[in-house]
Amino acid sequence: MRSLLMHSPVVIAAGWIGTYLLITLLPLLLLLIYPPPADRGFWIEFSVALGFIALAMMALQFALTARINRIEASYGVDIILQFHRYISLVAFTLVLVHPLILFVVQPETLQLLNFPVAPWRARMAVMGTLALIVLVVTTIWRQQLKIPYEPWRTSHGILAVLSVALGLGHAIGVGNYLGLFWKAVLWTGIAVLALWLLVYVRLVKPWFMLKKPYLVEEVRPERGDVWTLALRPLGHKGFRFQPGQFAWITLDISPFRMREHPFSMSSDGDNSERIEFSIKALGDFTNTIKDVAPGTKAFLDGPYGVFTTERYEDSAGFVLITGGIGITPMMSMLLTAAKRKDDRPYVLIYASKKWDDITFREELDELKDKLDLKIIHVLKEPPEDWTGEKGYVDKELLERYIPKRRGTRQYFICASPKMMDQVELALHRLRVPATNIHMEHFNLV
């Protein structure tokens, strides 16, 4: 019993949250344990503590984006990256509040903004803050600024390193919190951890990927301007994955170039000898998939994700709700279930624009002979003789097809953000338990 408890996913997830909170709130704990000197006052020490909390949060961002399997398996990459985005804004706010408090309590510190004559520790603070401002602006408004993904990703990493390095340099220069030996050791450890994670992501992980290359075996056209990229491992066994998971693909260049893109696998999860990705031509990279020649070398980083039926072996069945290219992870779930002769019922509610745009239309029909599978196509622009569902996947449509006992099924949603929000709200109104609803977003970056 104790062994099961120690390995419970909930316990492990709670443990990671506790570790994160301990590291980030340590400066406030130190402030409580060691009261500030009489000549400094509470607000000055509080300002310094906020600065250190922000610095710890920024250092831990490297851990959130390092794709560490043990952490990712507890929450899923989708949730981790959402947390990464939001906590970045929290850290950014604390960075700005930190000097503002000092300027109010000690107005003479405003002279530290005079960059040419300010001490180097103040210059580092100014440069670190500017780097963080540029990082936040170029991330939030990347699409409006029309910054391509790959240059943005490179600059994002450089700005993040500069922000943390300059922030730590500023803290060392001030020295108030790092005066005691063990405090200096603590923050040196955090800095070393951030540096190691950077080295791991940029050097160690690409080196392991380089040792396990793949070759493009086939590029197959599908309905809906989608292309299936089939890869086979070269000189190794490849990897098995849980249906619904995804991997990062690097095509025709070294993995050290860090030009990788995330896509869900669309093939059977148990077949490690051939891994397929079905990719819709939507952007600069995805539009090139159709031109990839067989024999092209590829590298994979994966599998990742918790959007999978594999985690719910006790479920009485599944309801899969998708739109457009969101069918990709659902196809992997259905193919794997068919191969395993799963006898549980599956309901697929599939929204598309036109009948001819339905990716895997014929393949899904064939799966009905191998699975207890019911398919409901919902067309936005149906043909004149169409007798099926049309319009949008709303509460009324879902009520017609989902089981009366809502809690007996697991519900998986993968579609455009607008459709996902609408479907999630409709399921809540139909009293589907929130713990039974699982969502996967198209855009992770």
Protein backbone atom coordinates (compact mmCIF):
# COMPACT_ATOMS: atom_id res chain seq x y z
CA MET A 1 0.00 0.00 0.00
CA ARG A 2 2.80 2.39 0.91
CA SER A 3 4.62 1.61 -2.36
CA LEU A 4 1.50 2.37 -4.39
CA LEU A 5 1.02 5.65 -2.55
CA MET A 6 4.60 6.75 -3.09
CA HIS A 7 4.31 6.15 -6.82
CA SER A 8 0.85 7.68 -7.23
CA PRO A 9 0.79 10.23 -10.11
CA VAL A 10 -1.07 12.66 -7.84
CA VAL A 11 1.61 12.37 -5.14
CA ILE A 12 4.40 12.83 -7.68
CA ALA A 13 2.68 15.85 -9.26
CA ALA A 14 2.14 17.39 -5.82
CA GLY A 15 5.80 16.78 -5.03
CA TRP A 16 6.94 18.76 -8.08
CA ILE A 17 4.62 21.63 -7.14
CA GLY A 18 6.00 21.61 -3.60
CA THR A 19 9.58 21.71 -4.88
CA TYR A 20 8.77 24.64 -7.17
CA LEU A 21 7.10 26.61 -4.39
CA LEU A 22 9.95 25.90 -1.96
CA ILE A 23 12.59 27.23 -4.36
CA THR A 24 10.66 30.31 -5.43
CA LEU A 25 9.45 31.32 -1.96
CA LEU A 26 12.74 30.69 -0.20
CA PRO A 27 13.67 34.42 -0.17
CA LEU A 28 10.48 35.25 1.75
CA LEU A 29 11.19 32.42 4.19
CA LEU A 30 14.65 33.84 4.76
CA LEU A 31 13.14 37.24 5.39
CA LEU A 32 10.95 35.72 8.12
CA ILE A 33 13.82 33.75 9.67
CA TYR A 34 16.34 36.60 9.56
CA PRO A 35 14.61 39.94 10.32
CA PRO A 36 15.98 42.90 8.34
CA PRO A 37 18.49 45.26 10.00
CA ALA A 38 16.95 48.32 11.61
CA ASP A 39 18.56 50.67 9.09
CA ARG A 40 17.04 48.85 6.07
CA GLY A 41 13.43 48.40 7.03
CA PHE A 42 10.74 45.96 5.96
CA TRP A 43 9.89 47.43 2.54
CA ILE A 44 13.48 47.42 1.32
CA GLU A 45 13.91 43.80 2.38
CA PHE A 46 10.54 42.93 0.89
CA SER A 47 11.60 44.51 -2.41
CA VAL A 48 14.81 42.49 -2.40
CA ALA A 49 12.86 39.31 -1.62
CA LEU A 50 10.54 39.95 -4.58
CA GLY A 51 13.57 40.36 -6.81
CA PHE A 52 14.95 37.03 -5.69
CA ILE A 53 11.59 35.31 -6.15
CA ALA A 54 11.50 36.65 -9.71
CA LEU A 55 15.07 35.47 -10.31
CA ALA A 56 14.25 31.98 -9.00
CA MET A 57 11.15 31.82 -11.22
CA MET A 58 13.18 32.84 -14.25
CA ALA A 59 15.86 30.23 -13.51
CA LEU A 60 13.22 27.51 -13.12
CA GLN A 61 11.81 28.41 -16.54
CA PHE A 62 14.70 26.43 -18.01
CA ALA A 63 13.40 23.35 -16.18
CA LEU A 64 9.86 23.90 -17.49
CA THR A 65 11.03 24.00 -21.12
CA ALA A 66 13.66 21.23 -20.92
CA ARG A 67 11.06 18.49 -21.64
CA ILE A 68 12.07 16.46 -18.61
CA ASN A 69 10.08 13.24 -18.92
CA ARG A 70 9.37 12.80 -15.21
CA ILE A 71 7.90 16.27 -14.92
CA GLU A 72 6.09 16.17 -18.25
CA ALA A 73 4.48 12.81 -17.43
CA SER A 74 2.83 14.36 -14.36
CA TYR A 75 1.06 17.20 -16.16
CA GLY A 76 1.59 17.03 -19.93
CA VAL A 77 3.58 19.44 -22.08
CA ASP A 78 0.48 21.47 -22.89
CA ILE A 79 -0.17 22.39 -19.24
CA ILE A 80 3.53 22.91 -18.50
CA LEU A 81 3.95 25.36 -21.38
CA GLN A 82 0.78 27.21 -20.39
CA PHE A 83 2.19 27.52 -16.87
CA HIS A 84 5.51 28.63 -18.37
CA ARG A 85 3.76 31.47 -20.20
CA TYR A 86 1.72 32.68 -17.24
CA ILE A 87 4.49 32.41 -14.65
CA SER A 88 6.74 34.41 -16.99
CA LEU A 89 4.30 37.30 -16.68
CA VAL A 90 4.29 36.92 -12.89
CA ALA A 91 8.10 37.00 -12.79
CA PHE A 92 8.11 39.99 -15.14
CA THR A 93 5.72 41.85 -12.85
CA LEU A 94 7.88 41.12 -9.81
CA VAL A 95 10.98 42.33 -11.65
CA LEU A 96 9.26 45.67 -12.29
CA VAL A 97 7.79 45.97 -8.77
CA HIS A 98 11.17 45.25 -7.14
CA PRO A 99 12.84 48.59 -8.13
CA LEU A 100 9.59 50.58 -7.94
CA ILE A 101 9.36 49.88 -4.21
CA LEU A 102 12.97 51.01 -3.77
CA PHE A 103 12.33 54.21 -5.74
CA VAL A 104 9.38 55.05 -3.47
CA VAL A 105 11.08 54.17 -0.16
CA GLN A 106 14.50 55.53 -1.12
CA PRO A 107 14.08 58.19 -3.85
CA GLU A 108 17.86 58.64 -4.05
CA THR A 109 18.09 55.21 -5.74
CA LEU A 110 16.60 56.78 -8.89
CA GLN A 111 20.09 57.99 -9.74
CA LEU A 112 20.99 54.35 -10.42
CA LEU A 113 19.05 54.71 -13.69
CA ASN A 114 21.72 57.12 -14.93
CA PHE A 115 23.38 54.39 -16.96
CA PRO A 116 26.72 56.07 -17.86
CA VAL A 117 27.67 56.81 -14.25
CA ALA A 118 25.78 54.05 -12.42
CA PRO A 119 27.76 51.20 -10.77
CA TRP A 120 28.08 47.99 -12.80
CA ARG A 121 25.57 46.15 -10.59
CA ALA A 122 22.90 48.75 -11.47
CA ARG A 123 23.83 48.58 -15.16
CA MET A 124 23.37 44.81 -15.10
CA ALA A 125 19.93 45.27 -13.54
CA VAL A 126 18.91 47.73 -16.25
CA MET A 127 20.22 45.55 -19.08
CA GLY A 128 18.62 42.42 -17.60
CA THR A 129 15.27 44.20 -17.29
CA LEU A 130 15.46 45.48 -20.87
CA ALA A 131 16.27 41.96 -22.11
CA LEU A 132 13.25 40.65 -20.21
CA ILE A 133 10.99 43.36 -21.65
CA VAL A 134 12.08 42.52 -25.21
CA LEU A 135 11.55 38.80 -24.47
CA VAL A 136 8.01 39.36 -23.20
CA VAL A 137 7.01 41.76 -26.01
CA THR A 138 8.36 39.55 -28.81
CA THR A 139 6.63 36.51 -27.30
CA ILE A 140 3.17 37.98 -26.65
CA TRP A 141 3.04 39.89 -29.95
CA ARG A 142 5.17 37.56 -32.09
CA GLN A 143 2.49 37.01 -34.71
CA GLN A 144 1.51 40.69 -34.85
CA LEU A 145 5.20 41.60 -35.25
CA LYS A 146 5.47 38.90 -37.95
CA ILE A 147 8.52 37.28 -36.36
CA PRO A 148 9.12 33.80 -37.87
CA TYR A 149 9.12 30.95 -35.35
CA GLU A 150 12.73 29.79 -35.76
CA PRO A 151 14.43 33.23 -35.38
CA TRP A 152 12.09 33.97 -32.50
CA ARG A 153 13.00 30.74 -30.73
CA THR A 154 16.72 31.47 -31.04
CA SER A 155 16.36 35.03 -29.78
CA HIS A 156 14.00 33.87 -27.02
CA GLY A 157 16.67 31.54 -25.65
CA ILE A 158 19.39 34.19 -25.85
CA LEU A 159 17.23 36.81 -24.11
CA ALA A 160 16.27 34.33 -21.38
CA VAL A 161 19.91 33.50 -20.65
CA LEU A 162 20.83 37.19 -20.61
CA SER A 163 17.97 38.04 -18.24
CA VAL A 164 18.91 35.36 -15.70
CA ALA A 165 22.69 35.90 -15.99
CA LEU A 166 22.43 39.68 -15.62
CA GLY A 167 19.93 39.31 -12.77
CA LEU A 168 22.28 36.99 -10.89
CA GLY A 169 25.20 39.33 -11.60
CA HIS A 170 23.18 42.20 -10.15
CA ALA A 171 22.38 40.15 -7.02
CA ILE A 172 26.05 39.24 -6.54
CA GLY A 173 27.03 42.88 -6.98
CA VAL A 174 24.54 44.08 -4.35
CA GLY A 175 25.60 41.28 -2.04
CA ASN A 176 23.06 41.81 0.75
CA TYR A 177 21.42 38.41 0.35
CA LEU A 178 24.56 36.58 -0.73
CA GLY A 179 26.75 37.74 2.12
CA LEU A 180 26.37 34.49 4.09
CA PHE A 181 28.26 31.54 2.66
CA TRP A 182 25.34 29.12 2.56
CA LYS A 183 23.14 31.67 0.80
CA ALA A 184 25.80 32.13 -1.86
CA VAL A 185 26.03 28.35 -2.24
CA LEU A 186 22.24 28.12 -2.63
CA TRP A 187 22.05 30.69 -5.42
CA THR A 188 25.16 29.34 -7.08
CA GLY A 189 23.41 25.97 -7.13
CA ILE A 190 20.33 27.48 -8.79
CA ALA A 191 22.56 29.17 -11.38
CA VAL A 192 24.43 25.93 -12.06
CA LEU A 193 21.12 24.06 -12.43
CA ALA A 194 19.87 26.60 -14.98
CA LEU A 195 23.19 26.38 -16.87
CA TRP A 196 23.07 22.57 -16.88
CA LEU A 197 19.50 22.57 -18.21
CA LEU A 198 20.57 24.91 -20.99
CA VAL A 199 23.49 22.62 -21.86
CA TYR A 200 21.19 19.59 -21.68
CA VAL A 201 18.64 21.09 -24.09
CA ARG A 202 21.16 22.57 -26.53
CA LEU A 203 23.89 19.90 -26.49
CA VAL A 204 23.13 16.68 -24.61
CA LYS A 205 19.64 15.97 -25.96
CA PRO A 206 20.58 16.75 -29.61
CA TRP A 207 23.59 14.45 -29.22
CA PHE A 208 21.33 11.57 -28.14
CA MET A 209 18.98 12.34 -31.03
CA LEU A 210 21.91 12.28 -33.45
CA LYS A 211 22.66 8.71 -32.34
CA LYS A 212 19.16 7.56 -33.34
CA PRO A 213 18.32 8.91 -36.80
CA TYR A 214 15.25 8.09 -38.90
CA LEU A 215 14.72 7.96 -42.65
CA VAL A 216 11.68 9.23 -44.50
CA GLU A 217 10.11 6.16 -46.06
CA GLU A 218 7.05 7.73 -47.67
CA VAL A 219 5.21 11.03 -48.07
CA ARG A 220 1.55 10.25 -48.74
CA PRO A 221 -1.19 12.75 -49.66
CA GLU A 222 -4.42 12.69 -47.65
CA ARG A 223 -7.72 14.50 -47.96
CA GLY A 224 -7.89 18.07 -46.67
CA ASP A 225 -4.44 19.21 -47.87
CA VAL A 226 -2.78 16.88 -45.37
CA TRP A 227 0.41 14.92 -45.95
CA THR A 228 1.43 11.81 -44.02
CA LEU A 229 5.15 11.60 -43.30
CA ALA A 230 6.23 8.00 -42.61
CA LEU A 231 9.55 7.44 -40.84
CA ARG A 232 11.51 4.29 -40.07
CA PRO A 233 14.36 4.03 -37.56
CA LEU A 234 17.88 3.75 -38.96
CA GLY A 235 20.12 1.41 -37.00
CA HIS A 236 17.96 1.27 -33.86
CA LYS A 237 14.58 0.00 -32.66
CA GLY A 238 12.77 3.33 -32.65
CA PHE A 239 10.24 3.90 -29.88
CA ARG A 240 6.74 2.83 -28.95
CA PHE A 241 4.35 5.54 -27.88
CA GLN A 242 0.96 5.88 -26.27
CA PRO A 243 -1.72 6.67 -28.87
CA GLY A 244 -2.42 10.40 -28.85
CA GLN A 245 1.13 11.47 -27.95
CA PHE A 246 3.38 13.70 -30.07
CA ALA A 247 7.05 14.21 -30.88
CA TRP A 248 9.29 17.04 -32.09
CA ILE A 249 10.57 16.48 -35.65
CA THR A 250 13.83 17.75 -37.16
CA LEU A 251 14.04 17.22 -40.92
CA ASP A 252 17.12 17.16 -43.15
CA ILE A 253 19.34 19.14 -40.73
CA SER A 254 21.35 18.42 -37.59
CA PRO A 255 19.34 18.37 -34.33
CA PHE A 256 21.90 20.83 -32.95
CA ARG A 257 20.31 23.46 -35.21
CA MET A 258 17.22 23.44 -32.92
CA ARG A 259 14.84 23.80 -35.86
CA GLU A 260 12.23 21.31 -34.69
CA HIS A 261 8.44 21.22 -34.84
CA PRO A 262 5.86 19.33 -32.72
CA PHE A 263 3.34 16.99 -34.37
CA SER A 264 1.06 14.23 -33.09
CA MET A 265 1.68 10.71 -34.32
CA SER A 266 -1.15 9.36 -36.45
CA SER A 267 -0.04 5.73 -36.67
CA ASP A 268 -0.43 2.67 -34.46
CA GLY A 269 1.36 3.28 -31.18
CA ASP A 270 2.67 -0.28 -30.92
CA ASN A 271 4.50 -0.23 -34.25
CA SER A 272 7.95 1.22 -33.52
CA GLU A 273 9.26 0.21 -36.95
CA ARG A 274 7.16 2.81 -38.77
CA ILE A 275 6.03 6.06 -37.20
CA GLU A 276 3.67 8.33 -39.11
CA PHE A 277 2.82 12.02 -38.74
CA SER A 278 -0.09 13.51 -40.67
CA ILE A 279 0.58 17.21 -41.20
CA LYS A 280 -1.71 19.84 -42.68
CA ALA A 281 -0.11 22.44 -44.96
CA LEU A 282 -0.74 25.61 -42.98
CA GLY A 283 2.56 27.49 -42.72
CA ASP A 284 6.12 27.90 -43.95
CA PHE A 285 7.36 24.55 -42.62
CA THR A 286 4.21 22.48 -43.06
CA ASN A 287 3.89 23.59 -46.68
CA THR A 288 7.24 21.92 -47.42
CA ILE A 289 6.24 18.45 -46.19
CA LYS A 290 4.87 17.42 -49.59
CA ASP A 291 8.29 18.09 -51.13
CA VAL A 292 10.29 15.96 -48.67
CA ALA A 293 12.02 13.18 -50.60
CA PRO A 294 12.08 9.56 -49.41
CA GLY A 295 15.47 8.82 -47.86
CA THR A 296 15.68 12.22 -46.15
CA LYS A 297 17.20 11.94 -42.69
CA ALA A 298 15.05 12.94 -39.72
CA PHE A 299 15.40 13.09 -35.93
CA LEU A 300 12.71 12.69 -33.28
CA ASP A 301 12.46 13.91 -29.71
CA GLY A 302 9.64 12.09 -28.00
CA PRO A 303 7.20 10.73 -27.21
CA TYR A 304 5.50 13.41 -25.10
CA GLY A 305 2.00 14.16 -23.89
CA VAL A 306 -0.70 12.79 -21.60
CA PHE A 307 -3.50 13.17 -24.16
CA THR A 308 -3.96 9.43 -24.52
CA THR A 309 -6.55 6.73 -23.90
CA GLU A 310 -3.75 4.60 -22.47
CA ARG A 311 -4.13 6.28 -19.07
CA TYR A 312 -7.76 5.18 -18.70
CA GLU A 313 -7.83 1.41 -18.92
CA ASP A 314 -10.81 1.27 -16.54
CA SER A 315 -12.99 3.54 -18.69
CA ALA A 316 -16.15 1.98 -20.10
CA GLY A 317 -15.53 3.74 -23.42
CA PHE A 318 -14.41 6.94 -25.13
CA VAL A 319 -15.91 9.97 -26.83
CA LEU A 320 -13.51 11.61 -29.30
CA ILE A 321 -14.45 15.12 -30.45
CA THR A 322 -12.33 16.70 -33.14
CA GLY A 323 -12.19 19.23 -35.92
CA GLY A 324 -9.94 19.38 -38.98
CA ILE A 325 -6.38 18.20 -38.42
CA GLY A 326 -7.28 17.47 -34.78
CA ILE A 327 -8.15 14.02 -36.10
CA THR A 328 -4.43 13.09 -36.03
CA PRO A 329 -4.11 11.92 -32.39
CA MET A 330 -7.62 10.43 -32.57
CA MET A 331 -6.58 8.31 -35.56
CA SER A 332 -3.65 6.95 -33.57
CA MET A 333 -6.00 6.06 -30.70
CA LEU A 334 -8.42 4.26 -33.02
CA LEU A 335 -5.75 2.38 -34.98
CA THR A 336 -4.09 1.19 -31.80
CA ALA A 337 -7.43 0.14 -30.30
CA ALA A 338 -8.28 -1.81 -33.45
CA LYS A 339 -4.94 -3.62 -33.43
CA ARG A 340 -5.43 -4.56 -29.77
CA LYS A 341 -9.01 -5.72 -30.48
CA ASP A 342 -10.43 -3.34 -27.91
CA ASP A 343 -14.10 -4.19 -27.39
CA ARG A 344 -15.09 -0.93 -25.68
CA PRO A 345 -17.37 1.53 -27.52
CA TYR A 346 -15.88 4.58 -29.25
CA VAL A 347 -17.83 7.61 -30.46
CA LEU A 348 -16.09 9.97 -32.89
CA ILE A 349 -17.68 13.38 -33.47
CA TYR A 350 -15.73 14.87 -36.38
CA ALA A 351 -16.32 18.47 -37.55
CA SER A 352 -15.15 19.42 -41.04
CA LYS A 353 -15.79 22.18 -43.52
CA LYS A 354 -16.70 20.06 -46.56
CA TRP A 355 -17.24 16.38 -47.30
CA ASP A 356 -14.20 16.19 -49.53
CA ASP A 357 -12.00 17.79 -46.82
CA ILE A 358 -12.43 14.98 -44.29
CA THR A 359 -8.98 13.60 -43.62
CA PHE A 360 -8.92 9.78 -43.16
CA ARG A 361 -12.55 9.53 -44.29
CA GLU A 362 -12.16 6.12 -45.94
CA GLU A 363 -9.77 4.80 -43.31
CA LEU A 364 -12.24 5.64 -40.55
CA ASP A 365 -15.03 3.79 -42.35
CA GLU A 366 -12.81 0.70 -42.51
CA LEU A 367 -12.18 0.90 -38.77
CA LYS A 368 -15.92 0.50 -38.10
CA ASP A 369 -15.50 -3.16 -39.11
CA LYS A 370 -12.76 -3.64 -36.50
CA LEU A 371 -14.07 -1.58 -33.59
CA ASP A 372 -17.30 -0.72 -31.82
CA LEU A 373 -17.03 2.70 -33.47
CA LYS A 374 -19.77 5.22 -34.20
CA ILE A 375 -18.78 8.17 -36.41
CA ILE A 376 -20.77 11.41 -36.56
CA HIS A 377 -19.59 13.78 -39.28
CA VAL A 378 -20.55 17.43 -38.77
CA LEU A 379 -20.20 19.58 -41.88
CA LYS A 380 -20.08 23.35 -41.99
CA GLU A 381 -20.74 23.47 -45.75
CA PRO A 382 -22.61 20.22 -46.52
CA PRO A 383 -23.60 19.11 -50.04
CA GLU A 384 -27.22 19.51 -51.09
CA ASP A 385 -28.10 15.84 -50.52
CA TRP A 386 -26.49 15.75 -47.05
CA THR A 387 -28.74 14.20 -44.37
CA GLY A 388 -26.26 14.15 -41.51
CA GLU A 389 -25.29 16.72 -38.90
CA LYS A 390 -24.33 20.19 -40.03
CA GLY A 391 -23.23 23.46 -38.47
CA TYR A 392 -21.25 23.35 -35.24
CA VAL A 393 -20.64 20.91 -32.41
CA ASP A 394 -22.85 22.48 -29.75
CA LYS A 395 -24.65 21.36 -26.60
CA GLU A 396 -27.72 20.10 -28.47
CA LEU A 397 -25.66 17.98 -30.87
CA LEU A 398 -23.53 16.50 -28.09
CA GLU A 399 -26.60 15.65 -26.03
CA ARG A 400 -27.88 13.51 -28.90
CA TYR A 401 -24.78 11.32 -29.03
CA ILE A 402 -22.93 11.16 -25.71
CA PRO A 403 -23.98 8.47 -23.18
CA LYS A 404 -26.70 9.19 -20.61
CA ARG A 405 -24.32 8.18 -17.83
CA ARG A 406 -21.79 10.94 -18.52
CA GLY A 407 -19.19 9.80 -16.01
CA THR A 408 -18.72 6.36 -17.53
CA ARG A 409 -16.71 7.71 -20.49
CA GLN A 410 -13.54 9.69 -21.05
CA TYR A 411 -13.86 12.65 -23.45
CA PHE A 412 -10.97 13.75 -25.67
CA ILE A 413 -11.10 17.06 -27.57
CA CYS A 414 -8.62 18.25 -30.20
CA ALA A 415 -9.64 21.10 -32.52
CA SER A 416 -9.21 24.81 -33.06
CA PRO A 417 -9.11 26.88 -29.84
CA LYS A 418 -12.58 28.33 -30.48
CA MET A 419 -14.17 24.92 -31.04
CA MET A 420 -12.40 23.44 -28.02
CA ASP A 421 -13.70 26.21 -25.76
CA GLN A 422 -17.24 25.77 -27.05
CA VAL A 423 -17.19 21.99 -26.69
CA GLU A 424 -15.69 22.13 -23.20
CA LEU A 425 -18.39 24.57 -22.06
CA ALA A 426 -21.12 22.40 -23.61
CA LEU A 427 -19.80 19.27 -21.87
CA HIS A 428 -19.76 21.07 -18.53
CA ARG A 429 -23.38 22.13 -19.06
CA LEU A 430 -24.24 18.52 -19.84
CA ARG A 431 -22.76 17.59 -16.44
CA VAL A 432 -19.76 15.71 -17.76
CA PRO A 433 -17.24 15.50 -14.87
CA ALA A 434 -14.33 17.89 -15.41
CA THR A 435 -11.90 15.08 -14.59
CA ASN A 436 -13.21 13.14 -17.60
CA ILE A 437 -12.48 15.91 -20.13
CA HIS A 438 -9.06 15.98 -21.82
CA MET A 439 -7.90 18.54 -24.37
CA GLU A 440 -4.96 18.91 -26.75
CA HIS A 441 -4.09 22.23 -28.39
CA PHE A 442 -2.71 22.53 -31.91
CA ASN A 443 -0.24 25.29 -31.07
CA LEU A 444 2.43 24.63 -28.43
CA VAL A 445 4.77 27.46 -29.38
